[in-house]
Each structure stands twice: as structure tokens, then as C-alpha cells.
Amino acid sequence: MIHSMKNVILFLILPLLPALRAEATVVVTYRGDAPNMFGNGVHPTDVDFDINSDGVMDYRFIGDYFVSAIQSYGTNRFISTLASGLDIGGSVTAVSVGNIIGSDTSLLAGSWHIHTDNGGGSMFDLNFGPNSLQISDAFIGVEFAASDVIHYGWIQYVGYSHPEKGLGRYLPGGFIDSWAWETRPGVPIVAGAIPEPSTMTLVVVSALSLMQRRRKK
């Protein structure tokens, strides 16, 4: 009976697997309590960052006493403001939870810019203002190319002075807590959004759990 039920469930599930994979469009990665990717020394190391784990580096975080700036590789961009001129410094613009990260940045404080290795990159806001990446749940909006198509994502930089996730005191610098990217080319992503399982996915998981419980009995 158990084996026949298993065969029935598998018969129903297998045709749905491509659709289930297609619905899982946002990939989220958490570092959690993992070691600080920038190192814990007096001089944090520069770190190359591959947001979609395809072996191609997309961004570089710059360390100088603290993690101070971000640069982009190739045509990759992130949401920021320019200090002066094209591709010369500036500041990363904090994108709040729930904001849309896509080609249109008209509702955001910053806009898309390329900051390559020009001696500095874009600085993180270290003034501890209300929208500072140092103390708020804000994100770095990113646009990157993979297989010659554009994708959107976010990177959560948590400052050491974040009241809940940081060290609890005002210090410059921080770490990367999580990041996410939209697998569908050109599709915007919601800052801080975590994909919820679809109804069909929940049905499949529930069916497998029921089968497992009956097998144990």
C-alpha cells in the first residue's frame, strides 16, 4: 500500500517539477553567523564578490581600516550617487525594504552607476543618518550581467553599529549578511523580499511528509 501510494505521488509530482523550478525565481543566500568575509584584522581585506555563484566576479568590496566602498566589474552597476563626473567616487544609496530594484530608479534616492577600479569606488554612508547602511535594514541595489543578459538583485550590508545585527556600538565598517538575485532576466526584485513557497509546492511537501509519516508507522 505504501509503495503504491508512493508511486501515485511520484506520478503526480514528476510532471510538475519543471513548473516548480520555474516558480523559484529569487535565489537568497544567507551568511548568518558565518565568519566575516572581510576578515577581522586591523586592515580588512578587499573581497571579490560573485552574487550568483557562476564563477565570474561581479563586485569588489574595498577594505581600508573598515569596509569602505564597493566597485563593479565590467558593465555591472549598483544604485548610488556620483560625487563628481562619470565613474568617480560617490556614495552607495541605501534601498529600503520593499522598494523595487529594476531599470527604473525614479522612486529611489539614487540611480544606476558603474564604478570600476578608479582608486576608490563608491563609499558607504558612515554618518549614521536615518537611512545609513550602518544602522538600518537597507540594501545595496545591484544590476549585473550573466550569460550576456541583465539580472537584478540586492546585497544586505550590515553595519557594526546596527542596533540588532551589529556590534551594538557606533563603529565604521560592517559585513555582508545576505544577498539575493532574480533568475529571470530583466525582471525587477523587491529589496529584502524572500520568496514564499507556492501553493503547489506546499501540496507536494505535505504529500511527501504524509507518506514519510505513514512509512514510519
Protein backbone atom coordinates (compact mmCIF):
# COMPACT_ATOMS: atom_id res chain seq x y z
CA MET A 1 0.00 0.00 0.00
CA ILE A 2 2.78 2.39 0.93
CA HIS A 3 4.71 1.65 -2.24
CA SER A 4 1.61 2.08 -4.40
CA MET A 5 0.88 5.44 -2.72
CA LYS A 6 4.47 6.48 -3.28
CA ASN A 7 4.19 5.62 -6.97
CA VAL A 8 0.97 7.61 -7.27
CA ILE A 9 2.53 10.68 -5.61
CA LEU A 10 5.62 10.46 -7.79
CA PHE A 11 3.40 10.07 -10.86
CA LEU A 12 1.61 13.30 -9.91
CA ILE A 13 4.72 15.22 -8.89
CA LEU A 14 7.20 14.49 -11.68
CA PRO A 15 5.31 16.37 -14.42
CA LEU A 16 5.10 19.39 -12.10
CA LEU A 17 8.81 19.63 -11.25
CA PRO A 18 9.72 21.93 -14.18
CA ALA A 19 6.93 24.32 -13.15
CA LEU A 20 8.04 24.24 -9.52
CA ARG A 21 11.59 25.08 -10.51
CA ALA A 22 10.33 27.89 -12.73
CA GLU A 23 8.46 29.48 -9.83
CA ALA A 24 11.57 29.57 -7.63
CA THR A 25 12.83 32.73 -9.32
CA VAL A 26 14.56 34.55 -6.45
CA VAL A 27 17.70 32.98 -5.03
CA VAL A 28 18.54 34.14 -1.50
CA THR A 29 21.83 33.38 0.26
CA TYR A 30 22.43 33.94 3.99
CA ARG A 31 25.74 34.17 5.74
CA GLY A 32 24.18 34.26 9.20
CA ASP A 33 26.84 33.57 11.81
CA ALA A 34 29.50 32.70 9.24
CA PRO A 35 32.91 34.39 9.68
CA ASN A 36 33.21 37.96 8.49
CA MET A 37 34.05 37.73 4.79
CA PHE A 38 36.22 40.83 5.08
CA GLY A 39 38.50 39.45 7.75
CA ASN A 40 38.77 40.58 11.35
CA GLY A 41 42.17 42.24 11.29
CA VAL A 42 43.08 45.89 11.67
CA HIS A 43 43.08 46.21 7.88
CA PRO A 44 40.12 44.33 6.38
CA THR A 45 40.90 42.60 3.12
CA ASP A 46 39.45 43.56 -0.25
CA VAL A 47 36.93 40.89 -1.30
CA ASP A 48 35.73 39.94 -4.77
CA PHE A 49 32.05 39.06 -4.74
CA ASP A 50 30.16 36.65 -7.03
CA ILE A 51 26.46 37.22 -6.34
CA ASN A 52 25.09 34.37 -8.47
CA SER A 53 27.88 31.82 -7.91
CA ASP A 54 28.67 31.35 -11.59
CA GLY A 55 32.42 31.74 -11.10
CA VAL A 56 32.50 35.28 -12.51
CA MET A 57 33.22 38.05 -10.02
CA ASP A 58 30.62 40.82 -10.15
CA TYR A 59 31.71 43.33 -7.50
CA ARG A 60 34.59 44.10 -5.15
CA PHE A 61 34.29 45.34 -1.58
CA ILE A 62 37.15 47.62 -0.54
CA GLY A 63 38.70 47.41 2.92
CA ASP A 64 40.72 50.25 4.41
CA TYR A 65 40.66 50.13 8.23
CA PHE A 66 36.98 49.32 7.69
CA VAL A 67 34.91 48.15 4.73
CA SER A 68 34.64 51.46 3.00
CA ALA A 69 33.50 51.11 -0.61
CA ILE A 70 32.28 48.92 -3.44
CA GLN A 71 33.44 48.66 -7.05
CA SER A 72 31.84 46.92 -10.03
CA TYR A 73 33.34 44.70 -12.69
CA GLY A 74 32.63 45.22 -16.37
CA THR A 75 29.24 46.77 -17.10
CA ASN A 76 27.76 45.79 -13.73
CA ARG A 77 26.12 48.64 -11.82
CA PHE A 78 24.71 49.50 -8.42
CA ILE A 79 22.43 52.23 -7.14
CA SER A 80 24.41 55.21 -5.89
CA THR A 81 25.04 58.91 -6.32
CA LEU A 82 28.05 60.40 -8.08
CA ALA A 83 30.48 62.66 -6.31
CA SER A 84 31.62 64.42 -9.48
CA GLY A 85 31.95 63.40 -13.09
CA LEU A 86 31.38 59.96 -14.57
CA ASP A 87 32.61 56.92 -12.66
CA ILE A 88 34.31 59.00 -9.97
CA GLY A 89 33.51 58.07 -6.40
CA GLY A 90 30.19 58.90 -4.82
CA SER A 91 28.10 57.13 -2.19
CA VAL A 92 26.07 53.94 -2.22
CA THR A 93 22.37 54.74 -1.89
CA ALA A 94 20.56 52.71 0.76
CA VAL A 95 17.49 50.97 -0.70
CA SER A 96 14.80 50.37 1.92
CA VAL A 97 12.92 47.12 2.47
CA GLY A 98 10.07 46.74 -0.03
CA ASN A 99 11.45 49.10 -2.67
CA ILE A 100 11.61 47.87 -6.24
CA ILE A 101 15.07 47.32 -7.72
CA GLY A 102 14.90 47.41 -11.52
CA SER A 103 15.74 49.55 -14.51
CA ASP A 104 13.52 52.39 -13.24
CA THR A 105 15.02 54.14 -10.22
CA SER A 106 12.81 57.24 -10.35
CA LEU A 107 11.31 56.42 -6.94
CA LEU A 108 14.69 55.87 -5.29
CA ALA A 109 17.20 58.39 -3.97
CA GLY A 110 19.99 57.22 -6.28
CA SER A 111 20.38 55.85 -9.78
CA TRP A 112 22.39 53.21 -11.65
CA HIS A 113 26.11 53.88 -11.98
CA ILE A 114 29.22 51.96 -12.94
CA HIS A 115 32.11 52.39 -10.54
CA THR A 116 35.15 50.42 -11.66
CA ASP A 117 38.66 50.42 -10.22
CA ASN A 118 39.24 54.17 -10.25
CA GLY A 119 41.09 54.37 -6.97
CA GLY A 120 38.12 54.27 -4.64
CA GLY A 121 34.75 53.10 -5.87
CA SER A 122 31.58 54.21 -4.11
CA MET A 123 31.75 54.84 -0.39
CA PHE A 124 29.31 53.51 2.18
CA ASP A 125 27.41 56.09 4.19
CA LEU A 126 29.24 56.30 7.51
CA ASN A 127 27.43 59.31 9.00
CA PHE A 128 24.86 57.16 10.86
CA GLY A 129 21.94 59.10 9.39
CA PRO A 130 18.39 57.67 9.35
CA ASN A 131 18.94 55.87 6.03
CA SER A 132 22.54 54.92 6.61
CA LEU A 133 23.57 51.38 5.74
CA GLN A 134 25.38 51.41 9.08
CA ILE A 135 22.28 51.35 11.27
CA SER A 136 19.23 50.50 9.14
CA ASP A 137 17.82 47.44 7.40
CA ALA A 138 18.72 48.73 3.97
CA PHE A 139 20.19 47.15 0.89
CA ILE A 140 22.57 47.75 -1.98
CA GLY A 141 20.65 47.55 -5.26
CA VAL A 142 22.67 45.75 -7.94
CA GLU A 143 22.37 45.09 -11.66
CA PHE A 144 24.72 42.53 -13.18
CA ALA A 145 25.25 40.62 -16.41
CA ALA A 146 25.20 36.82 -16.55
CA SER A 147 25.46 35.00 -19.88
CA ASP A 148 25.06 38.37 -21.61
CA VAL A 149 21.68 39.12 -20.02
CA ILE A 150 20.83 41.57 -17.22
CA HIS A 151 19.69 40.47 -13.75
CA TYR A 152 18.71 42.47 -10.66
CA GLY A 153 19.48 41.74 -7.04
CA TRP A 154 20.25 43.14 -3.61
CA ILE A 155 23.08 42.83 -1.12
CA GLN A 156 22.50 43.42 2.58
CA TYR A 157 25.40 45.22 4.19
CA VAL A 158 25.01 45.25 7.98
CA GLY A 159 26.99 47.92 9.79
CA TYR A 160 28.76 47.15 13.03
CA SER A 161 26.57 49.81 14.62
CA HIS A 162 23.28 48.19 13.64
CA PRO A 163 21.29 48.03 16.92
CA GLU A 164 20.20 44.39 16.47
CA LYS A 165 22.53 42.73 13.97
CA GLY A 166 25.77 44.59 14.55
CA LEU A 167 28.11 45.02 17.48
CA GLY A 168 25.75 47.41 19.24
CA ARG A 169 28.01 50.46 19.21
CA TYR A 170 28.86 53.19 16.73
CA LEU A 171 31.73 51.92 14.64
CA PRO A 172 32.53 52.25 10.95
CA GLY A 173 32.54 49.11 8.87
CA GLY A 174 30.39 46.02 8.74
CA PHE A 175 29.72 42.72 6.99
CA ILE A 176 27.53 41.09 4.36
CA ASP A 177 24.58 39.31 5.97
CA SER A 178 22.64 38.13 2.91
CA TRP A 179 22.07 38.68 -0.79
CA ALA A 180 19.56 37.72 -3.46
CA TRP A 181 19.09 37.84 -7.20
CA GLU A 182 16.25 37.35 -9.67
CA THR A 183 16.91 34.45 -12.03
CA ARG A 184 14.60 35.80 -14.74
CA PRO A 185 16.47 38.26 -16.98
CA GLY A 186 15.36 41.87 -16.72
CA VAL A 187 12.76 41.20 -14.01
CA PRO A 188 12.86 43.61 -11.02
CA ILE A 189 13.32 42.35 -7.47
CA VAL A 190 11.90 43.64 -4.19
CA ALA A 191 14.57 44.75 -1.71
CA GLY A 192 14.68 42.32 1.19
CA ALA A 193 11.99 40.09 -0.30
CA ILE A 194 12.17 36.37 0.44
CA PRO A 195 10.24 34.13 -1.98
CA GLU A 196 7.31 32.28 -0.45
CA PRO A 197 6.62 28.67 -1.46
CA SER A 198 3.83 28.35 -4.00
CA THR A 199 0.59 26.54 -3.16
CA MET A 200 1.57 23.59 -5.35
CA THR A 201 4.95 23.38 -3.65
CA LEU A 202 3.22 23.22 -0.25
CA VAL A 203 0.91 20.47 -1.54
CA VAL A 204 3.87 18.42 -2.74
CA VAL A 205 5.78 18.90 0.52
CA SER A 206 2.69 17.97 2.56
CA ALA A 207 2.13 14.84 0.48
CA LEU A 208 5.73 13.71 0.91
CA SER A 209 5.57 14.38 4.66
CA LEU A 210 2.37 12.34 4.95
CA MET A 211 3.97 9.48 3.06
CA GLN A 212 7.01 9.58 5.33
CA ARG A 213 4.84 9.51 8.49
CA ARG A 214 2.85 6.55 7.23
CA ARG A 215 6.04 4.71 6.36
CA LYS A 216 7.30 5.16 9.93
CA LYS A 217 4.01 3.78 11.34
